[in-house]
Amino acid sequence: MARCYSGPMLERLGIKDRRELVVFLSLILLVALTPAGKEASHPLVLGIYRTLIIVIVGCYAWSDRSRLP
């Protein structure tokens, strides 16, 4: 049976749980979507952009507060 190597690879990027993976992927999509130019005013693209920002804020707002310094 094949062994999954994605866990150690994600840990190299500093991703320890699913919340951090969601934030990382959302940031990648935001960076890819930002240089859209005039196409960014399309309602679908604008909705995706705002949803990604809300996802990032939500992930950190509802995270486990006991780990905060």
C-alpha atoms as a PDB file:
ATOM      1  CA  MET A   1       0.000   0.000   0.000  1.00  0.00           C
ATOM      2  CA  ALA A   2       1.266   3.460  -0.868  1.00  0.00           C
ATOM      3  CA  ARG A   3       2.250   5.817   1.935  1.00  0.00           C
ATOM      4  CA  CYS A   4       0.896   9.370   1.953  1.00  0.00           C
ATOM      5  CA  TYR A   5       3.642  12.002   2.057  1.00  0.00           C
ATOM      6  CA  SER A   6       1.415  15.078   2.087  1.00  0.00           C
ATOM      7  CA  GLY A   7       1.525  15.468   5.897  1.00  0.00           C
ATOM      8  CA  PRO A   8       5.292  16.053   6.172  1.00  0.00           C
ATOM      9  CA  MET A   9       5.226  18.246   3.066  1.00  0.00           C
ATOM     10  CA  LEU A  10       2.544  20.494   4.558  1.00  0.00           C
ATOM     11  CA  GLU A  11       4.460  20.667   7.842  1.00  0.00           C
ATOM     12  CA  ARG A  12       7.452  22.018   5.919  1.00  0.00           C
ATOM     13  CA  LEU A  13       5.242  24.905   4.816  1.00  0.00           C
ATOM     14  CA  GLY A  14       4.213  25.501   8.435  1.00  0.00           C
ATOM     15  CA  ILE A  15       0.720  24.068   7.999  1.00  0.00           C
ATOM     16  CA  LYS A  16      -0.243  22.043  11.051  1.00  0.00           C
ATOM     17  CA  ASP A  17      -4.018  21.644  10.742  1.00  0.00           C
ATOM     18  CA  ARG A  18      -6.924  22.067   8.329  1.00  0.00           C
ATOM     19  CA  ARG A  19      -7.627  25.646   9.370  1.00  0.00           C
ATOM     20  CA  GLU A  20      -4.138  26.698   8.356  1.00  0.00           C
ATOM     21  CA  LEU A  21      -4.505  24.787   5.072  1.00  0.00           C
ATOM     22  CA  VAL A  22      -7.765  26.615   4.289  1.00  0.00           C
ATOM     23  CA  VAL A  23      -6.143  29.983   5.034  1.00  0.00           C
ATOM     24  CA  PHE A  24      -3.097  29.102   2.899  1.00  0.00           C
ATOM     25  CA  LEU A  25      -5.218  28.060  -0.090  1.00  0.00           C
ATOM     26  CA  SER A  26      -7.451  31.126   0.287  1.00  0.00           C
ATOM     27  CA  LEU A  27      -4.400  33.387   0.256  1.00  0.00           C
ATOM     28  CA  ILE A  28      -3.096  31.685  -2.888  1.00  0.00           C
ATOM     29  CA  LEU A  29      -6.455  32.226  -4.609  1.00  0.00           C
ATOM     30  CA  LEU A  30      -6.548  35.874  -3.497  1.00  0.00           C
ATOM     31  CA  VAL A  31      -3.085  36.476  -4.927  1.00  0.00           C
ATOM     32  CA  ALA A  32      -4.135  34.820  -8.196  1.00  0.00           C
ATOM     33  CA  LEU A  33      -7.363  36.832  -8.352  1.00  0.00           C
ATOM     34  CA  THR A  34      -5.975  40.256  -7.414  1.00  0.00           C
ATOM     35  CA  PRO A  35      -4.322  41.210 -10.740  1.00  0.00           C
ATOM     36  CA  ALA A  36      -7.566  40.604 -12.658  1.00  0.00           C
ATOM     37  CA  GLY A  37      -7.917  44.313 -13.491  1.00  0.00           C
ATOM     38  CA  LYS A  38     -11.251  45.321 -15.043  1.00  0.00           C
ATOM     39  CA  GLU A  39     -12.506  41.746 -14.791  1.00  0.00           C
ATOM     40  CA  ALA A  40     -12.420  42.116 -10.987  1.00  0.00           C
ATOM     41  CA  SER A  41     -15.549  44.286 -11.145  1.00  0.00           C
ATOM     42  CA  HIS A  42     -17.587  41.349 -12.486  1.00  0.00           C
ATOM     43  CA  PRO A  43     -20.091  40.323  -9.782  1.00  0.00           C
ATOM     44  CA  LEU A  44     -18.915  36.689  -9.716  1.00  0.00           C
ATOM     45  CA  VAL A  45     -15.248  37.602  -9.287  1.00  0.00           C
ATOM     46  CA  LEU A  46     -16.081  40.272  -6.716  1.00  0.00           C
ATOM     47  CA  GLY A  47     -18.176  37.756  -4.786  1.00  0.00           C
ATOM     48  CA  ILE A  48     -15.359  35.184  -4.792  1.00  0.00           C
ATOM     49  CA  TYR A  49     -12.864  37.828  -3.672  1.00  0.00           C
ATOM     50  CA  ARG A  50     -15.017  38.961  -0.755  1.00  0.00           C
ATOM     51  CA  THR A  51     -15.877  35.380   0.208  1.00  0.00           C
ATOM     52  CA  LEU A  52     -12.181  34.468   0.400  1.00  0.00           C
ATOM     53  CA  ILE A  53     -11.520  37.434   2.668  1.00  0.00           C
ATOM     54  CA  ILE A  54     -14.427  36.413   4.911  1.00  0.00           C
ATOM     55  CA  VAL A  55     -13.115  32.817   5.013  1.00  0.00           C
ATOM     56  CA  ILE A  56      -9.682  34.015   6.148  1.00  0.00           C
ATOM     57  CA  VAL A  57     -11.119  36.310   8.817  1.00  0.00           C
ATOM     58  CA  GLY A  58     -13.545  33.599   9.954  1.00  0.00           C
ATOM     59  CA  CYS A  59     -10.820  30.985  10.288  1.00  0.00           C
ATOM     60  CA  TYR A  60      -8.872  33.191  12.650  1.00  0.00           C
ATOM     61  CA  ALA A  61     -11.888  34.613  14.494  1.00  0.00           C
ATOM     62  CA  TRP A  62     -13.223  31.182  15.474  1.00  0.00           C
ATOM     63  CA  SER A  63      -9.876  29.514  16.084  1.00  0.00           C
ATOM     64  CA  ASP A  64      -8.924  27.998  19.413  1.00  0.00           C
ATOM     65  CA  ARG A  65      -8.229  31.009  21.589  1.00  0.00           C
ATOM     66  CA  SER A  66      -6.344  28.954  24.187  1.00  0.00           C
ATOM     67  CA  ARG A  67      -3.355  28.789  21.825  1.00  0.00           C
ATOM     68  CA  LEU A  68      -3.070  32.561  21.561  1.00  0.00           C
ATOM     69  CA  PRO A  69      -0.155  34.193  23.420  1.00  0.00           C
END
